[in-house]
C-alpha atoms as a PDB file:
ATOM      1  CA  UNK A   1       0.141  -0.288  -0.038  1.00  0.00           C
ATOM      2  CA  UNK A   2       1.391   3.254  -0.991  1.00  0.00           C
ATOM      3  CA  UNK A   3       0.780   6.226   1.556  1.00  0.00           C
ATOM      4  CA  UNK A   4      -0.201  10.088  -0.189  1.00  0.00           C
ATOM      5  CA  UNK A   5       2.540  12.627   0.634  1.00  0.00           C
ATOM      6  CA  UNK A   6       1.461  14.546   3.543  1.00  0.00           C
ATOM      7  CA  UNK A   7       0.601  17.794   1.451  1.00  0.00           C
ATOM      8  CA  UNK A   8      -2.166  15.932  -0.152  1.00  0.00           C
ATOM      9  CA  UNK A   9      -2.900  14.275   3.392  1.00  0.00           C
ATOM     10  CA  UNK A  10      -3.665  17.426   4.277  1.00  0.00           C
ATOM     11  CA  UNK A  11      -5.243  18.890   1.507  1.00  0.00           C
ATOM     12  CA  UNK A  12      -7.680  16.655   1.551  1.00  0.00           C
ATOM     13  CA  UNK A  13      -8.866  17.570   4.999  1.00  0.00           C
ATOM     14  CA  UNK A  14      -8.939  21.167   3.601  1.00  0.00           C
ATOM     15  CA  UNK A  15     -11.373  19.777   0.922  1.00  0.00           C
ATOM     16  CA  UNK A  16     -13.223  18.429   3.795  1.00  0.00           C
ATOM     17  CA  UNK A  17     -13.272  21.727   5.112  1.00  0.00           C
ATOM     18  CA  UNK A  18     -15.166  23.212   2.013  1.00  0.00           C
ATOM     19  CA  UNK A  19     -18.501  21.338   2.715  1.00  0.00           C
ATOM     20  CA  UNK A  20     -19.268  23.832   4.853  1.00  0.00           C
ATOM     21  CA  UNK A  21     -18.458  27.431   2.631  1.00  0.00           C
ATOM     22  CA  UNK A  22     -21.711  29.061   1.944  1.00  0.00           C
ATOM     23  CA  UNK A  23     -20.567  30.425  -0.974  1.00  0.00           C
ATOM     24  CA  UNK A  24     -22.631  30.583  -4.411  1.00  0.00           C
ATOM     25  CA  UNK A  25     -19.493  30.985  -6.694  1.00  0.00           C
ATOM     26  CA  UNK A  26     -16.041  29.532  -5.391  1.00  0.00           C
ATOM     27  CA  UNK A  27     -15.892  27.633  -2.099  1.00  0.00           C
ATOM     28  CA  UNK A  28     -12.727  27.455  -0.150  1.00  0.00           C
ATOM     29  CA  UNK A  29     -11.165  25.587   2.692  1.00  0.00           C
ATOM     30  CA  UNK A  30      -8.162  26.191   4.845  1.00  0.00           C
ATOM     31  CA  UNK A  31      -6.214  24.565   7.751  1.00  0.00           C
ATOM     32  CA  UNK A  32      -3.144  25.810   9.183  1.00  0.00           C
ATOM     33  CA  UNK A  33      -0.470  23.012  10.399  1.00  0.00           C
ATOM     34  CA  UNK A  34       2.326  23.325  12.493  1.00  0.00           C
ATOM     35  CA  UNK A  35       4.237  20.386  13.239  1.00  0.00           C
ATOM     36  CA  UNK A  36       2.210  17.976  12.030  1.00  0.00           C
ATOM     37  CA  UNK A  37      -0.607  19.254  14.110  1.00  0.00           C
ATOM     38  CA  UNK A  38      -3.800  21.177  13.035  1.00  0.00           C
ATOM     39  CA  UNK A  39      -3.490  24.184  14.926  1.00  0.00           C
ATOM     40  CA  UNK A  40      -7.048  26.031  12.914  1.00  0.00           C
ATOM     41  CA  UNK A  41      -9.423  25.517  10.031  1.00  0.00           C
ATOM     42  CA  UNK A  42     -11.087  28.119   8.266  1.00  0.00           C
ATOM     43  CA  UNK A  43     -14.065  27.978   5.359  1.00  0.00           C
ATOM     44  CA  UNK A  44     -15.672  30.839   3.760  1.00  0.00           C
ATOM     45  CA  UNK A  45     -19.151  31.907   4.853  1.00  0.00           C
ATOM     46  CA  UNK A  46     -20.896  35.128   5.987  1.00  0.00           C
ATOM     47  CA  UNK A  47     -19.605  36.890   9.344  1.00  0.00           C
ATOM     48  CA  UNK A  48     -21.119  34.834  12.428  1.00  0.00           C
ATOM     49  CA  UNK A  49     -24.997  35.663  12.482  1.00  0.00           C
ATOM     50  CA  UNK A  50     -25.357  37.176   9.589  1.00  0.00           C
ATOM     51  CA  UNK A  51     -26.859  35.289   6.935  1.00  0.00           C
ATOM     52  CA  UNK A  52     -24.964  33.280   4.246  1.00  0.00           C
ATOM     53  CA  UNK A  53     -25.760  33.498   0.529  1.00  0.00           C
ATOM     54  CA  UNK A  54     -26.981  30.602   0.330  1.00  0.00           C
ATOM     55  CA  UNK A  55     -29.519  31.116   2.493  1.00  0.00           C
ATOM     56  CA  UNK A  56     -30.394  34.982   0.801  1.00  0.00           C
ATOM     57  CA  UNK A  57     -30.292  32.687  -2.632  1.00  0.00           C
ATOM     58  CA  UNK A  58     -27.892  35.144  -4.365  1.00  0.00           C
ATOM     59  CA  UNK A  59     -24.346  36.316  -4.524  1.00  0.00           C
ATOM     60  CA  UNK A  60     -24.199  39.975  -4.657  1.00  0.00           C
ATOM     61  CA  UNK A  61     -20.889  40.073  -7.031  1.00  0.00           C
ATOM     62  CA  UNK A  62     -22.290  37.757  -9.074  1.00  0.00           C
ATOM     63  CA  UNK A  63     -25.867  39.789  -9.463  1.00  0.00           C
ATOM     64  CA  UNK A  64     -23.214  42.536 -10.270  1.00  0.00           C
ATOM     65  CA  UNK A  65     -21.350  40.871 -12.619  1.00  0.00           C
ATOM     66  CA  UNK A  66     -18.524  41.546 -11.094  1.00  0.00           C
ATOM     67  CA  UNK A  67     -15.289  39.444 -12.167  1.00  0.00           C
ATOM     68  CA  UNK A  68     -13.726  36.987  -9.959  1.00  0.00           C
ATOM     69  CA  UNK A  69     -10.791  38.585  -8.466  1.00  0.00           C
ATOM     70  CA  UNK A  70     -11.993  41.840  -8.180  1.00  0.00           C
ATOM     71  CA  UNK A  71     -14.415  43.981  -5.687  1.00  0.00           C
ATOM     72  CA  UNK A  72     -14.165  41.607  -2.501  1.00  0.00           C
ATOM     73  CA  UNK A  73     -15.987  44.916  -0.332  1.00  0.00           C
ATOM     74  CA  UNK A  74     -18.878  43.720  -1.770  1.00  0.00           C
ATOM     75  CA  UNK A  75     -19.007  40.148  -0.841  1.00  0.00           C
ATOM     76  CA  UNK A  76     -20.538  38.440   2.178  1.00  0.00           C
ATOM     77  CA  UNK A  77     -17.991  36.382   2.925  1.00  0.00           C
ATOM     78  CA  UNK A  78     -14.741  35.890   5.016  1.00  0.00           C
ATOM     79  CA  UNK A  79     -12.093  34.451   3.300  1.00  0.00           C
ATOM     80  CA  UNK A  80     -10.828  30.747   4.311  1.00  0.00           C
ATOM     81  CA  UNK A  81      -7.753  31.621   5.197  1.00  0.00           C
ATOM     82  CA  UNK A  82      -8.915  34.471   7.165  1.00  0.00           C
ATOM     83  CA  UNK A  83     -11.587  32.143   9.307  1.00  0.00           C
ATOM     84  CA  UNK A  84      -8.223  30.046   9.988  1.00  0.00           C
ATOM     85  CA  UNK A  85      -5.991  32.771  10.952  1.00  0.00           C
ATOM     86  CA  UNK A  86      -8.861  33.955  13.475  1.00  0.00           C
ATOM     87  CA  UNK A  87      -9.303  30.811  14.820  1.00  0.00           C
ATOM     88  CA  UNK A  88      -5.473  30.580  15.602  1.00  0.00           C
ATOM     89  CA  UNK A  89      -3.331  32.488  18.529  1.00  0.00           C
ATOM     90  CA  UNK A  90      -0.284  33.745  16.163  1.00  0.00           C
ATOM     91  CA  UNK A  91       2.263  31.881  18.743  1.00  0.00           C
ATOM     92  CA  UNK A  92       0.855  28.776  17.624  1.00  0.00           C
ATOM     93  CA  UNK A  93       0.760  29.133  14.112  1.00  0.00           C
ATOM     94  CA  UNK A  94       3.878  31.378  13.556  1.00  0.00           C
ATOM     95  CA  UNK A  95       6.312  29.003  11.051  1.00  0.00           C
ATOM     96  CA  UNK A  96       3.666  26.916  10.011  1.00  0.00           C
ATOM     97  CA  UNK A  97       1.928  25.737   7.066  1.00  0.00           C
ATOM     98  CA  UNK A  98      -1.681  26.855   5.787  1.00  0.00           C
ATOM     99  CA  UNK A  99      -3.290  24.697   3.121  1.00  0.00           C
ATOM    100  CA  UNK A 100      -5.575  25.838   0.659  1.00  0.00           C
ATOM    101  CA  UNK A 101      -8.281  23.844  -1.428  1.00  0.00           C
ATOM    102  CA  UNK A 102     -11.208  25.377  -3.764  1.00  0.00           C
ATOM    103  CA  UNK A 103     -14.203  23.981  -5.662  1.00  0.00           C
ATOM    104  CA  UNK A 104     -16.723  25.142  -8.054  1.00  0.00           C
ATOM    105  CA  UNK A 105     -20.164  26.167  -6.067  1.00  0.00           C
ATOM    106  CA  UNK A 106     -21.864  25.172  -9.311  1.00  0.00           C
ATOM    107  CA  UNK A 107     -19.851  22.177 -10.479  1.00  0.00           C
ATOM    108  CA  UNK A 108     -17.993  20.994  -7.574  1.00  0.00           C
ATOM    109  CA  UNK A 109     -14.612  20.724  -9.680  1.00  0.00           C
ATOM    110  CA  UNK A 110     -11.595  21.480  -7.979  1.00  0.00           C
ATOM    111  CA  UNK A 111     -10.460  24.786  -8.428  1.00  0.00           C
ATOM    112  CA  UNK A 112      -7.109  24.816 -10.717  1.00  0.00           C
ATOM    113  CA  UNK A 113      -6.435  28.624 -10.187  1.00  0.00           C
ATOM    114  CA  UNK A 114      -7.208  28.932  -6.362  1.00  0.00           C
ATOM    115  CA  UNK A 115      -4.719  31.286  -4.890  1.00  0.00           C
ATOM    116  CA  UNK A 116      -4.805  33.848  -1.712  1.00  0.00           C
ATOM    117  CA  UNK A 117      -6.596  37.129  -2.491  1.00  0.00           C
ATOM    118  CA  UNK A 118      -3.686  40.271  -1.882  1.00  0.00           C
ATOM    119  CA  UNK A 119      -6.039  40.846   1.847  1.00  0.00           C
ATOM    120  CA  UNK A 120      -5.433  37.211   2.237  1.00  0.00           C
ATOM    121  CA  UNK A 121      -2.022  37.255   1.650  1.00  0.00           C
ATOM    122  CA  UNK A 122      -1.791  39.692   3.979  1.00  0.00           C
ATOM    123  CA  UNK A 123      -2.940  38.280   6.756  1.00  0.00           C
ATOM    124  CA  UNK A 124      -0.557  35.188   6.234  1.00  0.00           C
ATOM    125  CA  UNK A 125       2.241  37.244   6.268  1.00  0.00           C
ATOM    126  CA  UNK A 126       1.185  39.385   9.408  1.00  0.00           C
ATOM    127  CA  UNK A 127       0.545  35.803  10.660  1.00  0.00           C
ATOM    128  CA  UNK A 128       3.920  34.708  10.661  1.00  0.00           C
ATOM    129  CA  UNK A 129       3.074  31.981   7.582  1.00  0.00           C
ATOM    130  CA  UNK A 130       5.660  30.568   6.147  1.00  0.00           C
ATOM    131  CA  UNK A 131       4.218  28.322   3.085  1.00  0.00           C
ATOM    132  CA  UNK A 132       0.965  27.803   1.498  1.00  0.00           C
ATOM    133  CA  UNK A 133       0.611  25.140  -0.581  1.00  0.00           C
ATOM    134  CA  UNK A 134      -2.642  25.125  -2.883  1.00  0.00           C
ATOM    135  CA  UNK A 135      -4.444  22.460  -4.268  1.00  0.00           C
ATOM    136  CA  UNK A 136      -3.923  22.401  -8.259  1.00  0.00           C
ATOM    137  CA  UNK A 137      -5.520  19.026  -9.024  1.00  0.00           C
ATOM    138  CA  UNK A 138      -7.054  16.389  -6.763  1.00  0.00           C
ATOM    139  CA  UNK A 139      -3.876  14.874  -6.475  1.00  0.00           C
ATOM    140  CA  UNK A 140      -1.453  17.993  -7.563  1.00  0.00           C
ATOM    141  CA  UNK A 141      -0.324  21.118  -5.654  1.00  0.00           C
ATOM    142  CA  UNK A 142       1.636  23.900  -6.085  1.00  0.00           C
ATOM    143  CA  UNK A 143       3.743  25.459  -2.796  1.00  0.00           C
ATOM    144  CA  UNK A 144       4.503  29.611  -2.202  1.00  0.00           C
ATOM    145  CA  UNK A 145       6.974  30.497   0.318  1.00  0.00           C
ATOM    146  CA  UNK A 146       5.763  33.328   1.803  1.00  0.00           C
ATOM    147  CA  UNK A 147       8.438  35.499   2.596  1.00  0.00           C
ATOM    148  CA  UNK A 148      10.307  34.811  -0.944  1.00  0.00           C
ATOM    149  CA  UNK A 149       6.891  34.998  -2.955  1.00  0.00           C
ATOM    150  CA  UNK A 150       4.550  37.211  -1.225  1.00  0.00           C
ATOM    151  CA  UNK A 151       6.982  39.797   1.146  1.00  0.00           C
ATOM    152  CA  UNK A 152      10.455  39.681  -1.241  1.00  0.00           C
ATOM    153  CA  UNK A 153       8.416  39.848  -4.368  1.00  0.00           C
ATOM    154  CA  UNK A 154       5.799  42.450  -3.402  1.00  0.00           C
ATOM    155  CA  UNK A 155       3.070  41.998  -6.055  1.00  0.00           C
ATOM    156  CA  UNK A 156       0.955  45.054  -4.847  1.00  0.00           C
ATOM    157  CA  UNK A 157       3.696  47.723  -5.937  1.00  0.00           C
ATOM    158  CA  UNK A 158       3.267  49.025  -9.410  1.00  0.00           C
ATOM    159  CA  UNK A 159       7.001  48.204 -10.939  1.00  0.00           C
ATOM    160  CA  UNK A 160       7.721  52.052 -11.402  1.00  0.00           C
ATOM    161  CA  UNK A 161       6.815  52.964  -7.421  1.00  0.00           C
ATOM    162  CA  UNK A 162       8.975  49.625  -6.494  1.00  0.00           C
ATOM    163  CA  UNK A 163      11.935  51.191  -8.387  1.00  0.00           C
ATOM    164  CA  UNK A 164      12.346  54.615  -6.588  1.00  0.00           C
END
């Protein structure tokens, strides 16, 4: 019997966390792991006490025809990464890894282009997480080195300003 990799083991758990997500467009599950222990989990959904899109029967961003990746301030949901970070103490997750999986809410297909938005990237950086492992297919994944890829290569600055 061949065992699955640790990365796919944790990504499978993140994939299960997705089943709690309440978005009508894209559903995400995240877990934070440090020293081979799960520190916290998170999925995307409305803040506690507020109604979710699945309860309302519509997505504001979809109704306004806002493309994916834009105008997150109009979204009702707290992102999976943010919810996982909120649920953990920094001292417990610093140096750890966040595992992220996503699926299309309509088809259930794994999102091959899942990644953290710029706001979640900031949270991940400040939480002290070292890596983000993102599911690309049911068995393939990509690994983000947070310092190298999201701190040193800060893509939030326009090139002309970054060179000043």
